[in-house]
Amino acid sequence: MKRKFTFILAIAFLPFCIISKSITLSGSVFGFLGEKVLLMRKASKNVSFEGPLTGASIVLTGNGINQTMFTDITGTYSVTLKEKGAYKLQVKMQGYSLVSIMIMFDDEGLKTHYPALSFILKKDDNSDNNLGELLIENSGKLTFNPNTNFKSNNAEVMHSNTTLLDKAALINNSSATNIIRSNLVVEKIIDNGKIKISEADTVIPKQEIVSAHVVNKLLSDTVLNADSLRSYIDKYKTMLAQLKPGEKNYSLLKAQIVNAENKLQQDRSLIALQKQQLLDGRKKIMFVGLFAVFALLSMLLLLFVLRQRKKHVGLLDEKNKNITRINGKMLSSIRYAATMQTSLFKDKKQLNQLFKNAFIYNQPKDILSGDFYWFAHKNGHKIAVVADCTGHGVPGALLTILGNNILEDVVHAKGEIVPSKILMALSQAVVAAFSHSNELEYGMDITIMSCKEGSDEMMFSGITNGLYHCANGELKYIPVTPKTIGPELEPSDLKDKIIRINKGDCFYMLSDGYADQFGGQTTGIEKYNVLRLAEILKRLSKESNFLNSENLLKTEFETWKGKRDQIDDVMVLGIRFD
């Protein structure tokens, strides 16, 4: 009686299946990570399997339809083709490859549902994959024609999806009728998730019931855990063993069991991946924890260093204040000493009273100078002196004061007017002044000229620094003894030279600071040198206003020096006899 009722119920539904022009396509969307996307059955061994993709876009267009839907939390989707015609199905998700397929719906026969149409998207791949064409014709036969014209860089996406669609065609073509219609019977024999198959309760063959249950329970994403799925697969294998290869639905049941085992393997791979991710997450948490501890220790160390630095900065500031205060006092003392040194030097105006056309260019390196000039009028003789003492600054200044006082004593007190004798007396006095110490280094490069009033001759002598004489536009350097003031200097080392004076002759006595100055306008390191010095001295000799020579020398020196530091004291004394 029950078999008859079931048969009548099936016959009653048959007209609706024939009249119906709409079909439903369903399946899952999976995501893969890795260098290559391989077949789903190899995913656990060759690539990282991400599992079903939630929220993937399923776009169906064609025959006036433009629908967009999204996969659910299990990665499944379902679309309906309401009438026959051509459609385009696109599957895409941000950050994954895009796949599309053309669907030609011509003849559904008795089928209303085509399951297991699954797709694979590769992560971090922006390729656009046209899979080919899916034909539904000849009473519901599903035919997949793959696209063979594709680029090599997305071959793995094409091959994996082609394999899935080939399997889907095999599953759907295993029966000319819609497998889902068997569900009406299956629902009646499922009790609390347990399968109860009774030939007495259904008019549908046992293998068809099994096939329907495999499609609904194994190929769909359900909440079955791995153990339950394994139990179902074992039961279906037992049922498959009762069938012969030639019997109806044998190939379908076998393909479905293989797919179910693949899905079980995928689930296990996903679980393994999740475990690995959990382990990686724990490692990351441990790393973050260690990093936080390290950061905290670093911060504490930094705070300690900052406190110590603040403490040392305070001490350093205090020392700097003391140094600044001491430097201020020293600078004040040096400036006062410079005032005293300047007061010892005779005024330049007195030089012009002695020599009508004469100038002095004095440019100390520091506040105090190691160069000095001296002149006097004694016993009808005009005497002029230029000296370059060892060092500059305070040591050089002390020697200038000593030299100035000795010259005052030798010339004015003792009445000496001969240059060589003045130099000898100066050397003896300096040696006597430093006789108590052998550690002090002292020296004095000096030139002395003496000219009797009304005479056309000039007498001079010197140590190290000679005399420049410019006559008739020609400049001549007159050398002197290379020795310096000290105990080794003998009277025989000093000679007086007599030079005849003509109208317009110019004489220059100077220290070596001008010629030794490095230039700031050149790319390399270059001194002003004696050649440039000779040229400017000749130019000064031709100037109509000889008294303005000091300004010309200063301009030339500052221009040459530029931004470089001055390396030595500079002094030039010039006299022109008109």
Protein backbone atom coordinates (compact mmCIF):
# COMPACT_ATOMS: atom_id res chain seq x y z
CA MET A 1 0.00 0.00 0.00
CA LYS A 2 2.80 2.42 0.91
CA ARG A 3 4.63 1.63 -2.34
CA LYS A 4 1.53 2.47 -4.35
CA PHE A 5 1.09 5.76 -2.50
CA THR A 6 4.67 6.75 -3.14
CA PHE A 7 4.41 5.83 -6.82
CA ILE A 8 1.21 7.89 -7.20
CA LEU A 9 2.88 10.83 -5.42
CA ALA A 10 5.85 10.64 -7.79
CA ILE A 11 3.54 10.49 -10.84
CA ALA A 12 1.65 13.54 -9.50
CA PHE A 13 4.83 15.60 -9.38
CA LEU A 14 6.00 14.57 -12.84
CA PRO A 15 3.87 17.09 -14.84
CA PHE A 16 5.20 19.97 -12.77
CA CYS A 17 8.74 18.90 -13.55
CA ILE A 18 8.00 18.75 -17.27
CA ILE A 19 6.19 22.09 -17.39
CA SER A 20 8.75 23.90 -15.24
CA LYS A 21 11.16 26.13 -17.15
CA SER A 22 13.26 27.25 -14.19
CA ILE A 23 16.27 25.42 -12.78
CA THR A 24 18.49 25.98 -9.77
CA LEU A 25 22.29 25.86 -9.77
CA SER A 26 24.09 25.42 -6.46
CA GLY A 27 27.53 24.68 -5.11
CA SER A 28 30.36 26.10 -3.02
CA VAL A 29 33.14 28.65 -3.46
CA PHE A 30 36.54 27.75 -2.02
CA GLY A 31 39.66 29.83 -1.47
CA PHE A 32 43.26 28.70 -1.74
CA LEU A 33 46.60 30.12 -0.64
CA GLY A 34 50.03 29.24 -1.98
CA GLU A 35 52.23 29.32 -5.04
CA LYS A 36 49.91 27.04 -7.04
CA VAL A 37 46.24 26.16 -6.95
CA LEU A 38 45.88 22.44 -7.49
CA LEU A 39 42.92 20.13 -7.44
CA MET A 40 40.76 20.07 -4.34
CA ARG A 41 41.73 16.48 -3.63
CA LYS A 42 45.40 17.53 -3.50
CA ALA A 43 44.91 20.78 -1.62
CA SER A 44 45.91 19.40 1.75
CA LYS A 45 49.25 18.17 0.38
CA ASN A 46 50.31 20.87 -2.03
CA VAL A 47 48.88 24.21 -0.94
CA SER A 48 47.40 25.87 2.11
CA PHE A 49 43.65 25.30 2.05
CA GLU A 50 41.72 28.28 3.30
CA GLY A 51 38.31 26.63 3.05
CA PRO A 52 34.91 27.96 1.97
CA LEU A 53 34.76 31.70 1.20
CA THR A 54 32.05 33.65 2.97
CA GLY A 55 30.74 36.76 1.21
CA ALA A 56 31.99 35.94 -2.30
CA SER A 57 29.95 37.74 -4.98
CA ILE A 58 27.88 35.61 -7.38
CA VAL A 59 26.78 37.80 -10.32
CA LEU A 60 24.24 36.39 -12.79
CA THR A 61 23.45 38.35 -15.96
CA GLY A 62 21.47 37.57 -19.14
CA ASN A 63 17.88 37.39 -20.40
CA GLY A 64 17.05 40.63 -18.62
CA ILE A 65 18.48 39.37 -15.33
CA ASN A 66 21.18 41.23 -13.37
CA GLN A 67 21.41 39.65 -9.94
CA THR A 68 24.14 39.75 -7.32
CA MET A 69 24.15 37.44 -4.33
CA PHE A 70 26.75 36.33 -1.82
CA THR A 71 27.91 33.02 -0.42
CA ASP A 72 26.79 32.20 3.11
CA ILE A 73 28.94 31.33 6.12
CA THR A 74 29.55 27.85 4.68
CA GLY A 75 30.61 29.23 1.28
CA THR A 76 27.52 27.89 -0.54
CA TYR A 77 25.42 29.67 -3.13
CA SER A 78 22.27 29.06 -5.16
CA VAL A 79 21.05 30.83 -8.32
CA THR A 80 17.88 30.30 -10.37
CA LEU A 81 17.56 30.45 -14.14
CA LYS A 82 13.87 31.26 -14.65
CA GLU A 83 13.78 30.67 -18.40
CA LYS A 84 15.86 29.26 -21.18
CA GLY A 85 18.59 31.34 -22.76
CA ALA A 86 22.20 32.46 -22.42
CA TYR A 87 23.58 33.60 -19.03
CA LYS A 88 26.90 34.69 -17.65
CA LEU A 89 27.91 33.67 -14.12
CA GLN A 90 30.76 35.55 -12.39
CA VAL A 91 32.33 34.55 -9.06
CA LYS A 92 34.60 37.13 -7.44
CA MET A 93 35.88 38.37 -4.11
CA GLN A 94 38.24 41.19 -3.26
CA GLY A 95 41.84 39.96 -3.05
CA TYR A 96 41.12 36.81 -5.07
CA SER A 97 41.09 35.78 -8.71
CA LEU A 98 37.88 36.19 -10.73
CA VAL A 99 36.23 33.31 -12.60
CA SER A 100 33.37 33.48 -15.08
CA ILE A 101 31.45 30.96 -17.17
CA MET A 102 28.79 31.16 -19.89
CA ILE A 103 25.65 29.04 -19.25
CA MET A 104 23.52 28.00 -22.23
CA PHE A 105 20.15 26.80 -20.83
CA ASP A 106 18.29 24.96 -23.61
CA ASP A 107 16.52 21.85 -22.26
CA GLU A 108 16.24 20.83 -18.62
CA GLY A 109 14.20 17.69 -19.12
CA LEU A 110 12.98 16.41 -15.76
CA LYS A 111 15.74 18.18 -13.79
CA THR A 112 15.11 21.27 -11.66
CA HIS A 113 18.32 21.35 -9.64
CA TYR A 114 22.01 21.07 -10.60
CA PRO A 115 24.17 20.73 -7.46
CA ALA A 116 27.94 20.51 -6.93
CA LEU A 117 28.82 23.39 -9.31
CA SER A 118 31.77 24.56 -7.19
CA PHE A 119 34.52 27.08 -7.95
CA ILE A 120 38.03 27.80 -6.68
CA LEU A 121 39.42 31.34 -6.21
CA LYS A 122 43.11 31.91 -5.62
CA LYS A 123 44.13 34.51 -3.05
CA ASP A 124 46.46 37.40 -3.98
CA ASP A 125 45.78 36.73 -7.67
CA ASN A 126 44.18 39.37 -9.89
CA SER A 127 43.71 37.16 -12.96
CA ASP A 128 40.40 37.15 -14.86
CA ASN A 129 39.56 33.55 -15.81
CA ASN A 130 36.98 32.71 -18.49
CA LEU A 131 36.36 29.05 -17.72
CA GLY A 132 34.38 28.29 -20.89
CA GLU A 133 30.79 27.25 -21.57
CA LEU A 134 28.28 25.13 -19.61
CA LEU A 135 25.50 23.59 -21.72
CA ILE A 136 22.17 22.32 -20.35
CA GLU A 137 20.51 20.45 -23.21
CA ASN A 138 19.17 17.10 -24.40
CA SER A 139 16.73 16.52 -21.52
CA GLY A 140 18.94 18.03 -18.81
CA LYS A 141 22.36 16.73 -19.86
CA LEU A 142 25.11 18.90 -18.43
CA THR A 143 28.07 19.45 -20.77
CA PHE A 144 31.14 21.55 -19.91
CA ASN A 145 33.27 22.90 -22.75
CA PRO A 146 36.45 24.33 -21.18
CA ASN A 147 38.23 27.38 -22.54
CA THR A 148 41.57 26.23 -23.92
CA ASN A 149 42.81 29.71 -24.79
CA PHE A 150 44.24 31.11 -21.55
CA LYS A 151 47.50 32.57 -20.30
CA SER A 152 50.09 30.45 -18.50
CA ASN A 153 50.12 32.69 -15.42
CA ASN A 154 46.59 31.58 -14.45
CA ALA A 155 46.80 27.96 -15.67
CA GLU A 156 46.45 26.54 -12.17
CA VAL A 157 43.17 28.43 -11.61
CA MET A 158 41.82 27.24 -14.96
CA HIS A 159 42.84 23.58 -14.49
CA SER A 160 41.45 23.30 -10.95
CA ASN A 161 38.09 24.84 -11.88
CA THR A 162 37.92 22.72 -15.04
CA THR A 163 38.36 19.58 -12.93
CA LEU A 164 35.60 20.63 -10.54
CA LEU A 165 33.18 21.38 -13.38
CA ASP A 166 33.99 18.05 -15.07
CA LYS A 167 33.10 16.29 -11.80
CA ALA A 168 29.90 18.32 -11.53
CA ALA A 169 28.90 17.18 -15.03
CA LEU A 170 29.59 13.56 -14.08
CA ILE A 171 27.46 13.82 -10.94
CA ASN A 172 24.55 15.60 -12.59
CA ASN A 173 24.53 13.36 -15.68
CA SER A 174 24.42 10.16 -13.61
CA SER A 175 20.63 10.42 -13.53
CA ALA A 176 18.21 11.74 -16.14
CA THR A 177 15.80 12.79 -13.40
CA ASN A 178 16.30 15.32 -10.68
CA ILE A 179 17.97 13.71 -7.70
CA ILE A 180 16.54 16.25 -5.29
CA ARG A 181 13.03 14.97 -5.99
CA SER A 182 14.00 11.82 -4.12
CA ASN A 183 14.30 13.97 -1.05
CA LEU A 184 10.55 13.75 -0.60
CA VAL A 185 11.05 10.12 0.27
CA VAL A 186 14.33 10.55 2.11
CA GLU A 187 12.85 13.03 4.52
CA LYS A 188 10.37 10.40 5.57
CA ILE A 189 13.04 7.89 6.50
CA ILE A 190 15.47 10.16 8.41
CA ASP A 191 14.90 10.11 12.15
CA ASN A 192 17.06 12.38 14.33
CA GLY A 193 19.92 12.34 11.82
CA LYS A 194 19.97 8.53 11.54
CA ILE A 195 19.29 6.86 8.19
CA LYS A 196 16.57 4.25 8.17
CA ILE A 197 16.28 2.66 4.76
CA SER A 198 13.32 0.40 4.32
CA GLU A 199 12.36 -1.02 0.95
CA ALA A 200 8.87 -1.43 2.24
CA ASP A 201 8.51 2.34 2.81
CA THR A 202 9.46 3.63 -0.66
CA VAL A 203 8.92 2.88 -4.26
CA ILE A 204 12.34 4.32 -5.18
CA PRO A 205 15.24 1.85 -5.42
CA LYS A 206 17.65 1.73 -2.54
CA GLN A 207 20.61 3.01 -4.55
CA GLU A 208 18.59 6.12 -5.58
CA ILE A 209 17.76 6.85 -1.95
CA VAL A 210 21.44 6.54 -1.09
CA SER A 211 22.36 8.82 -4.00
CA ALA A 212 19.87 11.44 -2.91
CA HIS A 213 21.14 11.33 0.65
CA VAL A 214 24.78 11.64 -0.47
CA VAL A 215 23.96 14.75 -2.49
CA ASN A 216 22.02 16.34 0.34
CA LYS A 217 24.29 15.33 3.21
CA LEU A 218 27.79 15.03 1.80
CA LEU A 219 28.17 17.44 -1.11
CA SER A 220 26.35 20.31 0.61
CA ASP A 221 28.08 22.23 3.38
CA THR A 222 26.38 20.98 6.52
CA VAL A 223 27.07 21.06 10.21
CA LEU A 224 28.17 17.42 10.20
CA ASN A 225 31.43 16.96 12.02
CA ALA A 226 34.25 14.86 10.64
CA ASP A 227 33.36 11.74 12.65
CA SER A 228 29.72 11.79 11.50
CA LEU A 229 30.80 12.36 7.89
CA ARG A 230 33.23 9.44 8.11
CA SER A 231 30.43 7.25 9.51
CA TYR A 232 28.13 8.15 6.61
CA ILE A 233 30.86 7.45 4.05
CA ASP A 234 31.49 4.00 5.55
CA LYS A 235 27.77 3.19 5.36
CA TYR A 236 27.61 4.29 1.72
CA LYS A 237 30.65 2.23 0.86
CA THR A 238 28.83 -0.79 2.31
CA MET A 239 25.83 0.03 0.13
CA LEU A 240 28.10 0.51 -2.90
CA ALA A 241 29.53 -2.96 -2.31
CA GLN A 242 26.00 -4.39 -2.72
CA LEU A 243 25.73 -2.87 -6.22
CA LYS A 244 27.28 -4.11 -9.40
CA PRO A 245 29.23 -1.78 -11.69
CA GLY A 246 26.62 -2.11 -14.37
CA GLU A 247 23.68 -1.30 -12.12
CA LYS A 248 21.87 2.04 -12.20
CA ASN A 249 23.50 4.90 -10.28
CA TYR A 250 26.63 2.86 -9.49
CA SER A 251 28.95 5.44 -11.06
CA LEU A 252 27.00 8.28 -9.43
CA LEU A 253 27.24 6.75 -5.96
CA LYS A 254 30.94 6.04 -6.42
CA ALA A 255 31.66 9.62 -7.61
CA GLN A 256 29.68 11.07 -4.71
CA ILE A 257 31.55 8.94 -2.17
CA VAL A 258 34.87 10.06 -3.67
CA ASN A 259 33.79 13.69 -3.46
CA ALA A 260 32.64 13.19 0.10
CA GLU A 261 36.01 11.71 1.01
CA ASN A 262 37.70 14.68 -0.66
CA LYS A 263 35.52 17.03 1.36
CA LEU A 264 36.40 15.13 4.53
CA GLN A 265 40.09 15.46 3.66
CA GLN A 266 39.60 19.15 3.01
CA ASP A 267 37.89 19.60 6.36
CA ARG A 268 40.75 17.82 8.07
CA SER A 269 43.22 20.02 6.19
CA LEU A 270 41.25 23.05 7.28
CA ILE A 271 41.32 21.86 10.88
CA ALA A 272 45.07 21.28 10.63
CA LEU A 273 45.49 24.73 9.14
CA GLN A 274 43.40 26.25 11.92
CA LYS A 275 45.48 24.42 14.51
CA GLN A 276 48.64 25.71 12.85
CA GLN A 277 47.16 29.21 12.78
CA LEU A 278 46.27 28.84 16.46
CA LEU A 279 49.84 27.74 17.17
CA ASP A 280 51.14 30.65 15.11
CA GLY A 281 48.78 32.94 16.99
CA ARG A 282 50.15 31.70 20.30
CA LYS A 283 53.67 32.24 19.03
CA LYS A 284 52.73 35.75 17.95
CA ILE A 285 51.18 36.41 21.35
CA MET A 286 54.35 35.13 23.01
CA PHE A 287 56.45 37.28 20.69
CA VAL A 288 54.27 40.32 21.40
CA GLY A 289 54.56 39.60 25.11
CA LEU A 290 58.33 39.35 24.93
CA PHE A 291 58.41 42.47 22.81
CA ALA A 292 56.23 44.27 25.37
CA VAL A 293 58.58 43.18 28.17
CA PHE A 294 61.57 44.29 26.12
CA ALA A 295 59.84 47.59 25.33
CA LEU A 296 59.06 48.11 29.02
CA LEU A 297 62.64 47.37 30.03
CA SER A 298 63.88 49.65 27.27
CA MET A 299 61.57 52.39 28.46
CA LEU A 300 62.76 51.99 32.05
CA LEU A 301 66.36 52.04 30.84
CA LEU A 302 65.62 55.12 28.76
CA LEU A 303 64.04 56.85 31.74
CA PHE A 304 67.11 55.99 33.82
CA VAL A 305 69.42 57.30 31.11
CA LEU A 306 67.34 60.46 30.78
CA ARG A 307 67.48 61.03 34.53
CA GLN A 308 71.23 60.52 34.53
CA ARG A 309 71.56 62.75 31.49
CA LYS A 310 69.48 65.43 33.16
CA LYS A 311 71.70 65.15 36.21
CA HIS A 312 74.88 65.36 34.12
CA VAL A 313 73.43 68.18 32.03
CA GLY A 314 72.81 70.11 35.21
CA LEU A 315 76.39 69.56 36.33
CA LEU A 316 77.64 70.42 32.87
CA ASP A 317 75.57 73.60 32.81
CA GLU A 318 77.04 74.60 36.13
CA LYS A 319 80.57 73.92 34.87
CA ASN A 320 79.82 75.81 31.66
CA LYS A 321 78.67 78.79 33.70
CA ASN A 322 81.88 78.65 35.71
CA ILE A 323 83.92 78.34 32.51
CA THR A 324 82.00 81.22 30.94
CA ARG A 325 82.59 83.32 34.02
CA ILE A 326 86.32 82.46 34.02
CA ASN A 327 86.55 83.07 30.26
CA GLY A 328 84.84 86.40 30.75
CA LYS A 329 87.39 87.40 33.34
CA MET A 330 90.25 86.18 31.16
CA LEU A 331 88.86 87.95 28.10
CA SER A 332 88.48 91.12 30.09
CA SER A 333 92.08 90.78 31.28
CA ILE A 334 93.32 90.10 27.74
CA ARG A 335 91.47 93.12 26.40
CA TYR A 336 92.98 95.24 29.12
CA ALA A 337 96.41 93.79 28.29
CA ALA A 338 95.78 94.65 24.62
CA THR A 339 95.06 98.23 25.64
CA MET A 340 98.32 98.29 27.59
CA GLN A 341 100.21 96.77 24.65
CA THR A 342 98.77 99.33 22.24
CA SER A 343 99.72 102.15 24.57
CA LEU A 344 103.36 100.96 24.46
CA PHE A 345 103.39 101.17 20.67
CA LYS A 346 104.04 104.66 19.41
CA ASP A 347 101.25 106.40 17.57
CA LYS A 348 101.24 106.08 13.78
CA LYS A 349 101.07 109.88 13.45
CA GLN A 350 104.51 110.13 15.05
CA LEU A 351 105.83 107.86 12.26
CA ASN A 352 104.63 110.40 9.66
CA GLN A 353 106.48 113.13 11.55
CA LEU A 354 109.62 111.06 11.27
CA PHE A 355 109.02 109.85 7.68
CA LYS A 356 106.68 112.05 5.65
CA ASN A 357 105.36 109.23 3.41
CA ALA A 358 105.01 106.14 5.60
CA PHE A 359 102.24 103.74 6.70
CA ILE A 360 101.74 100.79 9.07
CA TYR A 361 99.29 97.91 8.46
CA ASN A 362 98.87 95.98 11.73
CA GLN A 363 96.36 93.09 11.83
CA PRO A 364 96.72 90.82 14.92
CA LYS A 365 95.37 87.25 14.72
CA ASP A 366 94.00 87.48 18.25
CA ILE A 367 93.29 90.37 20.56
CA LEU A 368 96.94 90.52 21.55
CA SER A 369 99.61 90.65 18.87
CA GLY A 370 102.98 88.92 18.55
CA ASP A 371 104.19 91.49 15.97
CA PHE A 372 105.32 94.98 16.91
CA TYR A 373 106.82 98.05 15.31
CA TRP A 374 109.13 100.61 16.88
CA PHE A 375 110.72 103.84 15.65
CA ALA A 376 112.84 106.61 17.13
CA HIS A 377 114.94 109.70 16.34
CA LYS A 378 118.33 109.59 18.03
CA ASN A 379 121.53 111.54 17.41
CA GLY A 380 120.31 112.77 14.00
CA HIS A 381 119.32 109.28 12.85
CA LYS A 382 115.84 108.05 12.02
CA ILE A 383 115.40 104.44 13.16
CA ALA A 384 112.50 102.10 12.25
CA VAL A 385 111.99 98.51 13.46
CA VAL A 386 109.53 95.70 12.57
CA ALA A 387 109.65 92.48 14.65
CA ASP A 388 107.80 89.16 14.59
CA CYS A 389 107.99 87.40 17.96
CA THR A 390 107.55 83.67 18.47
CA GLY A 391 103.86 82.77 18.76
CA HIS A 392 100.88 85.02 18.95
CA GLY A 393 98.33 85.93 21.57
CA VAL A 394 99.54 86.25 25.16
CA PRO A 395 103.04 84.63 24.73
CA GLY A 396 103.79 86.73 21.67
CA ALA A 397 102.49 89.88 23.36
CA LEU A 398 104.82 89.39 26.33
CA LEU A 399 107.79 89.14 23.97
CA THR A 400 106.71 92.33 22.17
CA ILE A 401 106.68 94.21 25.46
CA LEU A 402 110.12 92.82 26.33
CA GLY A 403 111.49 93.72 22.88
CA ASN A 404 109.98 97.21 23.01
CA ASN A 405 111.57 97.91 26.41
CA ILE A 406 115.00 96.59 25.32
CA LEU A 407 114.95 98.78 22.19
CA GLU A 408 114.08 101.83 24.31
CA ASP A 409 117.03 101.06 26.58
CA VAL A 410 119.54 100.26 23.81
CA VAL A 411 118.74 103.25 21.58
CA HIS A 412 117.61 106.00 23.94
CA ALA A 413 119.60 105.11 27.08
CA LYS A 414 122.75 103.77 25.46
CA GLY A 415 122.54 105.85 22.29
CA GLU A 416 123.12 102.98 19.87
CA ILE A 417 122.10 103.80 16.25
CA VAL A 418 123.85 101.11 14.17
CA PRO A 419 121.33 98.35 13.23
CA SER A 420 123.70 95.39 13.70
CA LYS A 421 124.76 96.60 17.16
CA ILE A 422 121.17 97.23 18.16
CA LEU A 423 120.30 93.64 17.13
CA MET A 424 123.23 92.18 19.08
CA ALA A 425 122.34 94.12 22.20
CA LEU A 426 118.69 93.04 21.82
CA SER A 427 119.72 89.37 21.52
CA GLN A 428 121.94 89.51 24.60
CA ALA A 429 119.21 91.18 26.66
CA VAL A 430 116.58 88.59 25.64
CA VAL A 431 118.95 85.70 26.45
CA ALA A 432 119.66 87.24 29.85
CA ALA A 433 115.94 87.62 30.52
CA PHE A 434 115.34 83.88 29.99
CA SER A 435 118.62 82.56 31.35
CA HIS A 436 116.94 80.98 34.40
CA SER A 437 114.86 78.53 32.31
CA ASN A 438 115.88 76.12 29.58
CA GLU A 439 112.31 75.01 28.79
CA LEU A 440 111.07 78.26 27.31
CA GLU A 441 111.17 78.70 23.57
CA TYR A 442 111.58 82.26 22.34
CA GLY A 443 112.52 83.94 19.13
CA MET A 444 112.27 87.17 17.29
CA ASP A 445 112.51 87.81 13.52
CA ILE A 446 113.43 91.48 13.23
CA THR A 447 114.48 94.07 10.66
CA ILE A 448 116.08 97.44 11.61
CA MET A 449 116.83 100.37 9.31
CA SER A 450 118.69 103.57 10.23
CA CYS A 451 118.90 106.70 8.09
CA LYS A 452 120.90 109.84 8.88
CA GLU A 453 119.10 113.12 8.30
CA GLY A 454 120.20 114.79 5.04
CA SER A 455 122.01 111.65 3.88
CA ASP A 456 121.16 109.79 0.66
CA GLU A 457 122.15 106.47 2.16
CA MET A 458 120.31 104.07 4.40
CA MET A 459 121.81 101.40 6.63
CA PHE A 460 119.94 98.24 7.66
CA SER A 461 120.40 94.80 9.25
CA GLY A 462 118.06 92.01 10.22
CA ILE A 463 117.43 88.49 11.50
CA THR A 464 115.40 86.07 9.27
CA ASN A 465 113.16 88.78 7.78
CA GLY A 466 114.85 90.89 5.12
CA LEU A 467 114.08 94.20 3.45
CA TYR A 468 112.08 94.89 0.25
CA HIS A 469 113.44 97.75 -1.87
CA CYS A 470 111.43 99.08 -4.84
CA ALA A 471 113.30 101.41 -7.23
CA ASN A 472 112.34 102.45 -10.78
CA GLY A 473 109.41 100.04 -10.76
CA GLU A 474 111.55 97.02 -9.84
CA LEU A 475 111.22 95.25 -6.49
CA LYS A 476 114.27 93.64 -4.90
CA TYR A 477 114.42 91.52 -1.76
CA ILE A 478 117.56 91.99 0.35
CA PRO A 479 118.17 88.91 2.54
CA VAL A 480 119.65 88.88 6.04
CA THR A 481 121.10 86.29 8.41
CA PRO A 482 118.85 83.20 8.80
CA LYS A 483 119.73 82.84 12.49
CA THR A 484 117.42 83.97 15.25
CA ILE A 485 117.88 85.74 18.57
CA GLY A 486 119.51 83.45 21.10
CA PRO A 487 122.81 82.33 22.62
CA GLU A 488 124.05 81.01 19.26
CA LEU A 489 123.89 84.43 17.59
CA GLU A 490 127.39 85.95 17.16
CA PRO A 491 128.36 89.56 16.23
CA SER A 492 129.91 88.21 13.05
CA ASP A 493 126.48 86.93 11.95
CA LEU A 494 125.13 90.46 11.77
CA LYS A 495 126.14 92.70 8.91
CA ASP A 496 125.07 96.25 8.14
CA LYS A 497 124.15 96.86 4.52
CA ILE A 498 124.31 100.31 2.95
CA ILE A 499 121.70 101.21 0.33
CA ARG A 500 121.74 104.40 -1.73
CA ILE A 501 118.44 106.26 -1.64
CA ASN A 502 116.98 107.84 -4.79
CA LYS A 503 113.86 109.94 -5.03
CA GLY A 504 110.74 107.77 -5.17
CA ASP A 505 112.41 104.70 -3.64
CA CYS A 506 110.18 102.60 -1.36
CA PHE A 507 111.26 100.33 1.48
CA TYR A 508 109.07 97.66 3.13
CA MET A 509 109.67 95.79 6.39
CA LEU A 510 107.11 93.11 7.30
CA SER A 511 106.38 89.87 9.16
CA ASP A 512 105.61 86.61 7.35
CA GLY A 513 101.88 86.56 8.27
CA TYR A 514 100.71 88.27 5.06
CA ALA A 515 102.43 85.89 2.62
CA ASP A 516 101.54 82.75 4.68
CA GLN A 517 97.79 83.39 4.80
CA PHE A 518 95.64 80.66 3.17
CA GLY A 519 93.05 81.82 0.65
CA GLY A 520 89.31 81.31 1.01
CA GLN A 521 88.51 81.96 -2.65
CA THR A 522 90.41 78.94 -4.00
CA THR A 523 89.20 75.35 -4.13
CA GLY A 524 92.45 73.96 -2.73
CA ILE A 525 94.78 75.01 0.09
CA GLU A 526 96.98 77.79 -1.22
CA LYS A 527 99.00 80.54 0.47
CA TYR A 528 99.15 84.13 -0.69
CA ASN A 529 102.93 83.55 -1.23
CA VAL A 530 105.80 85.96 -1.94
CA LEU A 531 105.00 86.30 -5.65
CA ARG A 532 101.59 87.85 -5.01
CA LEU A 533 103.20 89.89 -2.19
CA ALA A 534 105.80 91.28 -4.58
CA GLU A 535 103.12 92.28 -7.07
CA ILE A 536 101.06 94.22 -4.55
CA LEU A 537 104.15 95.94 -3.10
CA LYS A 538 105.10 97.12 -6.60
CA ARG A 539 101.57 98.38 -7.11
CA LEU A 540 101.69 100.28 -3.81
CA SER A 541 104.96 101.90 -4.84
CA LYS A 542 103.22 103.43 -7.86
CA GLU A 543 100.27 104.83 -5.88
CA SER A 544 100.13 108.61 -5.83
CA ASN A 545 98.67 108.51 -2.32
CA PHE A 546 101.19 106.28 -0.57
CA LEU A 547 99.57 106.91 2.80
CA ASN A 548 96.48 105.06 1.60
CA SER A 549 98.49 101.84 1.22
CA GLU A 550 97.26 100.55 4.57
CA ASN A 551 93.65 100.42 3.31
CA LEU A 552 94.70 98.79 0.04
CA LEU A 553 96.65 96.08 1.89
CA LYS A 554 93.72 95.46 4.23
CA THR A 555 91.22 95.10 1.36
CA GLU A 556 93.52 92.72 -0.51
CA PHE A 557 94.13 90.62 2.61
CA GLU A 558 90.45 90.32 3.58
CA THR A 559 89.46 89.46 0.01
CA TRP A 560 92.09 86.75 -0.21
CA LYS A 561 91.33 85.31 3.23
CA GLY A 562 87.58 85.13 2.64
CA LYS A 563 85.91 83.00 5.30
CA ARG A 564 89.11 81.23 6.30
CA ASP A 565 90.61 81.89 9.71
CA GLN A 566 93.64 84.15 9.95
CA ILE A 567 96.64 81.96 10.74
CA ASP A 568 99.17 84.52 12.03
CA ASP A 569 99.70 88.13 13.01
CA VAL A 570 100.24 90.49 10.07
CA MET A 571 102.35 93.63 10.00
CA VAL A 572 103.68 95.72 7.09
CA LEU A 573 105.62 99.00 7.45
CA GLY A 574 106.32 101.03 4.27
CA ILE A 575 108.38 104.17 3.70
CA ARG A 576 108.72 106.18 0.48
CA PHE A 577 111.45 108.81 0.04
CA ASP A 578 110.25 111.71 -2.15
